[in-house]
Amino acid sequence: MIDESFHLTPLDVRRYDFGKSLRGYDPERVEQFREQVATELERLSRQIHDLEGRARGFQDQLRQFRERDKALN
């Protein structure tokens, strides 16, 4: 189940500003992690799109099989 109230895009991750503090995080490591997260979000987004397309195809195929089964009966 997907929670539509929170939608995070790879661009959101890349553009988010963590701010600076005196003893904060290592900026290079934060940037590296943000890039990894954004890349993974892109991969997952493509995978979801592909799987949704395949699911639609399976649903169409199932509908056709049911119509054939109904016609045979």
C-alpha atoms as a PDB file:
ATOM      1  CA  MET A   1       0.000   0.000   0.000  1.00  0.00           C
ATOM      2  CA  ILE A   2       1.369   3.405  -1.001  1.00  0.00           C
ATOM      3  CA  ASP A   3       0.949   6.419   1.277  1.00  0.00           C
ATOM      4  CA  GLU A   4       0.039   9.240  -1.122  1.00  0.00           C
ATOM      5  CA  SER A   5       0.279  11.907   1.611  1.00  0.00           C
ATOM      6  CA  PHE A   6       4.093  11.819   1.463  1.00  0.00           C
ATOM      7  CA  HIS A   7       5.559  11.946  -2.028  1.00  0.00           C
ATOM      8  CA  LEU A   8       9.335  12.278  -2.277  1.00  0.00           C
ATOM      9  CA  THR A   9      11.043  12.577  -5.633  1.00  0.00           C
ATOM     10  CA  PRO A  10      14.721  12.117  -6.502  1.00  0.00           C
ATOM     11  CA  LEU A  11      14.850  15.841  -7.280  1.00  0.00           C
ATOM     12  CA  ASP A  12      13.534  16.622  -3.773  1.00  0.00           C
ATOM     13  CA  VAL A  13      16.381  14.582  -2.292  1.00  0.00           C
ATOM     14  CA  ARG A  14      18.990  16.244  -4.469  1.00  0.00           C
ATOM     15  CA  ARG A  15      17.755  19.764  -3.682  1.00  0.00           C
ATOM     16  CA  TYR A  16      17.137  19.416   0.057  1.00  0.00           C
ATOM     17  CA  ASP A  17      19.322  21.747   2.126  1.00  0.00           C
ATOM     18  CA  PHE A  18      20.440  20.291   5.462  1.00  0.00           C
ATOM     19  CA  GLY A  19      21.935  23.560   6.623  1.00  0.00           C
ATOM     20  CA  LYS A  20      25.253  24.015   8.381  1.00  0.00           C
ATOM     21  CA  SER A  21      26.227  23.873  12.018  1.00  0.00           C
ATOM     22  CA  LEU A  22      29.454  24.138  13.927  1.00  0.00           C
ATOM     23  CA  ARG A  23      29.770  20.427  14.622  1.00  0.00           C
ATOM     24  CA  GLY A  24      27.414  19.081  11.977  1.00  0.00           C
ATOM     25  CA  TYR A  25      27.632  16.243   9.519  1.00  0.00           C
ATOM     26  CA  ASP A  26      30.383  15.816   6.950  1.00  0.00           C
ATOM     27  CA  PRO A  27      29.004  17.632   3.860  1.00  0.00           C
ATOM     28  CA  GLU A  28      30.729  15.246   1.439  1.00  0.00           C
ATOM     29  CA  ARG A  29      29.191  12.187   3.082  1.00  0.00           C
ATOM     30  CA  VAL A  30      25.760  13.838   3.159  1.00  0.00           C
ATOM     31  CA  GLU A  31      26.018  14.664  -0.556  1.00  0.00           C
ATOM     32  CA  GLN A  32      27.173  11.125  -1.351  1.00  0.00           C
ATOM     33  CA  PHE A  33      24.284   9.639   0.612  1.00  0.00           C
ATOM     34  CA  ARG A  34      21.757  12.006  -0.999  1.00  0.00           C
ATOM     35  CA  GLU A  35      22.975  10.966  -4.441  1.00  0.00           C
ATOM     36  CA  GLN A  36      22.664   7.272  -3.512  1.00  0.00           C
ATOM     37  CA  VAL A  37      19.132   7.809  -2.183  1.00  0.00           C
ATOM     38  CA  ALA A  38      18.075   9.790  -5.257  1.00  0.00           C
ATOM     39  CA  THR A  39      19.511   7.148  -7.591  1.00  0.00           C
ATOM     40  CA  GLU A  40      17.683   4.400  -5.711  1.00  0.00           C
ATOM     41  CA  LEU A  41      14.430   6.390  -5.840  1.00  0.00           C
ATOM     42  CA  GLU A  42      14.821   6.740  -9.597  1.00  0.00           C
ATOM     43  CA  ARG A  43      15.435   2.997  -9.960  1.00  0.00           C
ATOM     44  CA  LEU A  44      12.430   2.139  -7.816  1.00  0.00           C
ATOM     45  CA  SER A  45      10.246   4.611  -9.669  1.00  0.00           C
ATOM     46  CA  ARG A  46      11.172   3.022 -13.007  1.00  0.00           C
ATOM     47  CA  GLN A  47      10.561  -0.441 -11.554  1.00  0.00           C
ATOM     48  CA  ILE A  48       7.137   0.568 -10.213  1.00  0.00           C
ATOM     49  CA  HIS A  49       6.188   2.049 -13.584  1.00  0.00           C
ATOM     50  CA  ASP A  50       7.264  -1.156 -15.334  1.00  0.00           C
ATOM     51  CA  LEU A  51       5.413  -3.385 -12.862  1.00  0.00           C
ATOM     52  CA  GLU A  52       2.249  -1.303 -13.107  1.00  0.00           C
ATOM     53  CA  GLY A  53       2.371  -1.672 -16.891  1.00  0.00           C
ATOM     54  CA  ARG A  54       2.841  -5.426 -16.601  1.00  0.00           C
ATOM     55  CA  ALA A  55      -0.029  -5.639 -14.104  1.00  0.00           C
ATOM     56  CA  ARG A  56      -2.314  -3.792 -16.529  1.00  0.00           C
ATOM     57  CA  GLY A  57      -1.295  -6.252 -19.245  1.00  0.00           C
ATOM     58  CA  PHE A  58      -2.065  -9.205 -16.978  1.00  0.00           C
ATOM     59  CA  GLN A  59      -5.431  -7.706 -16.058  1.00  0.00           C
ATOM     60  CA  ASP A  60      -6.300  -7.301 -19.740  1.00  0.00           C
ATOM     61  CA  GLN A  61      -5.185 -10.853 -20.424  1.00  0.00           C
ATOM     62  CA  LEU A  62      -7.269 -12.154 -17.506  1.00  0.00           C
ATOM     63  CA  ARG A  63     -10.304 -10.246 -18.768  1.00  0.00           C
ATOM     64  CA  GLN A  64      -9.863 -11.809 -22.221  1.00  0.00           C
ATOM     65  CA  PHE A  65      -9.554 -15.302 -20.707  1.00  0.00           C
ATOM     66  CA  ARG A  66     -12.712 -14.760 -18.679  1.00  0.00           C
ATOM     67  CA  GLU A  67     -14.575 -13.584 -21.771  1.00  0.00           C
ATOM     68  CA  ARG A  68     -13.424 -16.690 -23.677  1.00  0.00           C
ATOM     69  CA  ASP A  69     -14.381 -18.924 -20.771  1.00  0.00           C
ATOM     70  CA  LYS A  70     -17.806 -17.303 -20.599  1.00  0.00           C
ATOM     71  CA  ALA A  71     -18.274 -17.726 -24.362  1.00  0.00           C
ATOM     72  CA  LEU A  72     -17.315 -21.411 -24.134  1.00  0.00           C
ATOM     73  CA  ASN A  73     -19.786 -22.044 -21.350  1.00  0.00           C
END
